[in-house]
Every structure is written in structure tokens, then in C-alpha cells.
Protein backbone atom coordinates (compact mmCIF):
# COMPACT_ATOMS: atom_id res chain seq x y z
CA UNK A 1 98.38 155.35 32.46
CA UNK A 2 99.47 151.74 32.49
CA UNK A 3 96.96 149.24 33.85
CA UNK A 4 97.71 147.53 37.16
CA UNK A 5 99.12 144.02 36.78
CA UNK A 6 96.60 141.35 37.74
CA UNK A 7 97.15 139.64 41.21
CA UNK A 8 99.66 136.84 41.15
CA UNK A 9 99.87 134.01 44.02
CA UNK A 10 101.78 130.87 44.69
CA UNK A 11 99.96 128.10 42.79
CA UNK A 12 100.63 125.55 45.45
CA UNK A 13 99.41 127.73 48.23
CA UNK A 14 95.65 126.78 48.76
CA UNK A 15 95.21 129.50 51.38
CA UNK A 16 96.51 132.17 49.10
CA UNK A 17 94.38 130.90 46.23
CA UNK A 18 91.38 130.98 48.48
CA UNK A 19 91.98 134.41 49.90
CA UNK A 20 92.46 135.95 46.63
CA UNK A 21 89.28 134.53 45.41
CA UNK A 22 87.42 135.44 48.40
CA UNK A 23 88.59 139.06 48.03
CA UNK A 24 87.22 139.17 44.42
CA UNK A 25 83.81 138.51 45.47
CA UNK A 26 82.85 141.84 46.97
CA UNK A 27 84.06 143.98 44.13
CA UNK A 28 82.06 141.75 41.74
CA UNK A 29 78.65 141.80 43.72
CA UNK A 30 79.15 145.49 44.44
CA UNK A 31 79.46 146.69 40.85
CA UNK A 32 76.61 144.52 39.29
CA UNK A 33 74.26 146.67 37.33
CA UNK A 34 71.03 147.84 38.98
CA UNK A 35 68.80 146.48 40.25
CA UNK A 36 71.22 143.58 40.88
CA UNK A 37 73.78 145.41 42.76
CA UNK A 38 74.59 144.04 46.38
CA UNK A 39 75.47 146.45 49.10
CA UNK A 40 77.94 144.58 51.48
CA UNK A 41 76.72 144.22 54.94
CA UNK A 42 79.83 144.75 57.37
CA UNK A 43 77.99 144.05 60.65
CA UNK A 44 79.56 140.69 61.35
CA UNK A 45 83.10 142.01 60.39
CA UNK A 46 82.87 144.90 62.57
CA UNK A 47 81.89 142.77 65.63
CA UNK A 48 84.97 140.62 64.71
CA UNK A 49 87.06 143.59 64.66
CA UNK A 50 85.61 145.02 67.78
CA UNK A 51 86.34 141.89 69.78
CA UNK A 52 89.90 141.46 68.33
CA UNK A 53 91.05 145.01 68.78
CA UNK A 54 89.71 145.07 72.21
CA UNK A 55 91.60 142.02 73.15
CA UNK A 56 94.80 143.43 71.58
CA UNK A 57 94.44 146.69 73.54
CA UNK A 58 93.94 144.90 76.75
CA UNK A 59 97.07 142.71 76.08
CA UNK A 60 99.07 145.91 75.21
CA UNK A 61 97.90 147.56 78.47
CA UNK A 62 98.88 144.63 80.66
CA UNK A 63 102.15 144.28 78.90
CA UNK A 64 102.87 148.00 79.65
CA UNK A 65 101.83 147.63 83.23
CA UNK A 66 104.34 144.71 83.61
CA UNK A 67 107.29 146.59 81.98
CA UNK A 68 106.58 149.99 83.63
CA UNK A 69 104.99 149.17 87.08
CA UNK A 70 106.65 145.88 87.93
CA UNK A 71 105.42 142.56 88.81
CA UNK A 72 103.67 143.67 91.96
CA UNK A 73 101.37 145.95 89.98
CA UNK A 74 100.24 143.17 87.74
CA UNK A 75 98.77 141.32 90.77
CA UNK A 76 96.41 144.12 91.59
CA UNK A 77 92.58 143.44 91.13
CA UNK A 78 92.19 145.68 88.07
CA UNK A 79 95.08 144.00 86.23
CA UNK A 80 93.65 140.45 87.05
CA UNK A 81 90.25 141.66 85.86
CA UNK A 82 91.84 143.03 82.48
CA UNK A 83 93.59 139.51 82.02
CA UNK A 84 90.32 137.73 82.70
CA UNK A 85 88.58 140.15 80.22
CA UNK A 86 91.27 139.47 77.58
CA UNK A 87 90.58 135.65 77.82
CA UNK A 88 86.83 136.19 77.60
CA UNK A 89 87.15 138.47 74.49
CA UNK A 90 89.43 135.85 72.84
CA UNK A 91 86.93 133.05 73.63
CA UNK A 92 84.01 135.19 72.10
CA UNK A 93 86.18 136.02 69.15
CA UNK A 94 86.95 132.23 68.44
CA UNK A 95 83.24 131.54 69.00
CA UNK A 96 82.16 134.39 66.54
CA UNK A 97 84.59 133.32 63.79
CA UNK A 98 83.96 129.58 63.87
CA UNK A 99 80.20 129.71 64.87
CA UNK A 100 78.61 132.84 63.72
CA UNK A 101 80.63 133.93 60.60
CA UNK A 102 81.27 130.18 59.88
CA UNK A 103 83.34 130.91 56.66
CA UNK A 104 81.13 133.67 55.49
CA UNK A 105 83.10 135.91 53.03
CA UNK A 106 80.27 138.04 51.71
CA UNK A 107 76.75 139.08 52.89
CA UNK A 108 75.01 141.80 51.02
CA UNK A 109 71.64 143.19 50.25
CA UNK A 110 69.95 144.51 47.09
CA UNK A 111 67.85 147.77 47.23
CA UNK A 112 64.74 145.51 46.82
CA UNK A 113 65.59 143.70 49.93
CA UNK A 114 66.91 140.40 48.67
CA UNK A 115 70.05 139.21 50.57
CA UNK A 116 72.89 136.85 49.65
CA UNK A 117 75.31 135.07 51.83
CA UNK A 118 78.51 133.29 50.49
CA UNK A 119 80.47 130.87 52.61
CA UNK A 120 83.74 129.63 51.10
CA UNK A 121 85.91 126.61 52.18
CA UNK A 122 88.78 124.47 50.85
CA UNK A 123 90.41 121.28 51.81
CA UNK A 124 94.13 120.89 52.44
CA UNK A 125 95.92 120.06 49.17
CA UNK A 126 92.71 120.14 47.30
CA UNK A 127 92.49 122.29 44.11
CA UNK A 128 88.71 122.74 44.63
CA UNK A 129 87.14 126.04 45.73
CA UNK A 130 83.88 125.37 47.47
CA UNK A 131 81.20 127.98 47.90
CA UNK A 132 77.83 127.66 49.88
CA UNK A 133 75.24 130.06 48.50
CA UNK A 134 72.13 131.29 50.28
CA UNK A 135 69.98 133.72 48.46
CA UNK A 136 66.81 135.02 50.43
CA UNK A 137 63.86 137.29 49.66
CA UNK A 138 63.07 140.43 51.58
CA UNK A 139 60.92 138.44 53.88
CA UNK A 140 63.42 135.80 54.64
CA UNK A 141 62.13 133.07 52.21
CA UNK A 142 64.97 131.15 50.70
CA UNK A 143 65.04 131.58 46.97
CA UNK A 144 68.32 129.51 46.30
CA UNK A 145 70.42 127.49 48.50
CA UNK A 146 73.25 125.22 47.09
CA UNK A 147 76.88 124.37 47.38
CA UNK A 148 78.91 124.80 44.36
CA UNK A 149 82.56 124.00 43.59
CA UNK A 150 85.20 124.44 40.93
CA UNK A 151 88.87 124.03 40.52
CA UNK A 152 91.14 127.07 41.14
CA UNK A 153 92.59 126.54 37.60
CA UNK A 154 89.21 127.93 36.26
CA UNK A 155 90.33 131.42 37.15
CA UNK A 156 94.08 131.14 37.92
CA UNK A 157 96.60 130.54 34.99
CA UNK A 158 99.42 128.21 35.33
CA UNK A 159 101.80 130.87 36.69
CA UNK A 160 99.32 132.01 39.42
CA UNK A 161 97.98 135.03 37.76
CA UNK A 162 94.33 135.69 38.84
CA UNK A 163 91.68 136.43 36.25
CA UNK A 164 88.42 137.65 37.73
CA UNK A 165 86.46 137.18 34.35
CA UNK A 166 86.30 133.35 34.47
CA UNK A 167 85.32 133.49 38.22
CA UNK A 168 82.57 135.78 37.47
CA UNK A 169 81.37 133.54 34.59
CA UNK A 170 81.41 130.47 36.84
CA UNK A 171 79.35 132.30 39.55
CA UNK A 172 76.96 133.57 37.01
CA UNK A 173 76.50 130.06 35.72
CA UNK A 174 75.63 128.64 39.18
CA UNK A 175 73.74 131.42 40.95
CA UNK A 176 70.46 132.50 39.38
CA UNK A 177 70.41 136.07 40.27
CA UNK A 178 74.00 136.54 39.05
CA UNK A 179 73.04 134.88 35.80
CA UNK A 180 70.26 137.58 35.34
CA UNK A 181 72.82 140.25 36.09
CA UNK A 182 75.17 138.92 33.51
CA UNK A 183 72.28 138.98 30.93
CA UNK A 184 71.88 142.69 31.90
CA UNK A 185 75.58 143.32 31.41
CA UNK A 186 75.48 141.52 27.93
CA UNK A 187 72.59 143.92 26.94
CA UNK A 188 74.58 146.90 27.86
CA UNK A 189 77.74 145.84 26.27
CA UNK A 190 76.33 143.96 23.22
CA UNK A 191 77.81 140.65 24.53
CA UNK A 192 81.44 141.99 24.68
CA UNK A 193 81.36 141.80 28.57
CA UNK A 194 80.79 138.05 28.25
CA UNK A 195 84.02 137.41 26.76
CA UNK A 196 86.86 136.95 28.89
CA UNK A 197 90.43 136.15 27.79
CA UNK A 198 92.74 133.95 29.96
CA UNK A 199 96.49 133.85 29.06
CA UNK A 200 97.83 130.32 29.41
CA UNK A 201 101.28 128.97 28.71
CA UNK A 202 101.50 126.08 26.32
CA UNK A 203 104.11 123.30 26.29
CA UNK A 204 106.49 125.55 24.27
CA UNK A 205 106.25 128.29 26.73
CA UNK A 206 104.33 130.62 24.31
CA UNK A 207 101.08 132.13 25.42
CA UNK A 208 97.70 131.51 24.11
CA UNK A 209 94.30 133.07 24.95
CA UNK A 210 91.32 131.02 26.08
CA UNK A 211 87.81 132.70 25.63
CA UNK A 212 85.10 132.12 28.13
CA UNK A 213 81.70 133.15 27.42
């Protein structure tokens, strides 16, 4: 069976570059060797979905009432209450996204109780991917907290192809628990897992491979 082609995104779309990078975090952290595997916590995401879908359901209901029952029906107390609830839910959703999640793209916990939170951000027209890392013990003590950044070109080739290996290598070089996990991978693979090939196009249009350890 042929292997799936790596993701490819427009190189000038910062949002697409960020989204693709964000989406690669959970598969990485969730497949680390034990005891470093992080089980993703979906609690905040579930609340966001609940608020969002509830607001959409109310909007769909009021639209149906307007189309099927006529204008007079939409002035009834229960329709007005539904509209009010819709605006309340939207306000809560906005607050939740900006104040509670606050850019968080991954939250997970190890079996031993340590938890990690990753919040990503970018600036318009900037090639830098910023990540705020908070790693805590099972008792809530902060073990590592820092903000790291790197250009998207570290893990995206010139034609927009995403290469997860260099992203993982960068994370492991900056985050202590991931560095320990990377060492564990090297033990199990004899160091082969630490080499990542990234195809790049040179000035003549031919490709070459860049090795990252």
C-alpha cells in the first residue's frame, strides 16, 4: 500500500501553517513511549463544542419558526427567550475561547499525573510559530514554563509540504520532558528515529535531503 502524501499548505498563509502545526501536536504527544505518553484532555474543547452547537441549534429553531410559523410567532415569549439565550451562549462562547482556552491547542496528562499545556500564537505576516509551554507535576507545581518560537520553514519545505520530524526535534530540544522521551525513542530505535529527512528544492529545481538529528 502506498504511503499517504504529507500535508501541503500555502506557504504564504500563516493561518494554514499554524493550523497544520497545531494539529500535529496531539498525534506526537499521544504516541510518545511510556511513561512519557500524554493522554489528551478534551474537557475544554467539549465545553466549546457544547456552547457552539447549542447556539447553532437555537438559531436553526428560530429560523424555522420564522419561515414556517410567520412573523407573529417569532414575537412570542418563548421565541424571544430563545433569541436571548442564543446571544448569551454566543457571549459565553467568545469568553471561553479568548479567556479560558486562550490559544491552548493541547492539554494532556501522563499516567504519573504530570500535565502539559501548549498555547500557540502567530503574528500577521510573521514566519514565526510561538508556543507557550507549561508543564506541571501531579500536585500542580510548575516544573517548566517557557515561551519558545521557531520559523515555520523549520518543518515546512519551500513548496509547503509539512514534515513532522523537524517539528518534533525542535519540541524535544526545547521541552525537557520531550527531550527525555526522545532519548527513550533513540534507545529503542538505535538512534534511527532521531534522523529526519526533509526534502528541499535547490536553485536548479532538484531536490536534496537535509538531515536533522
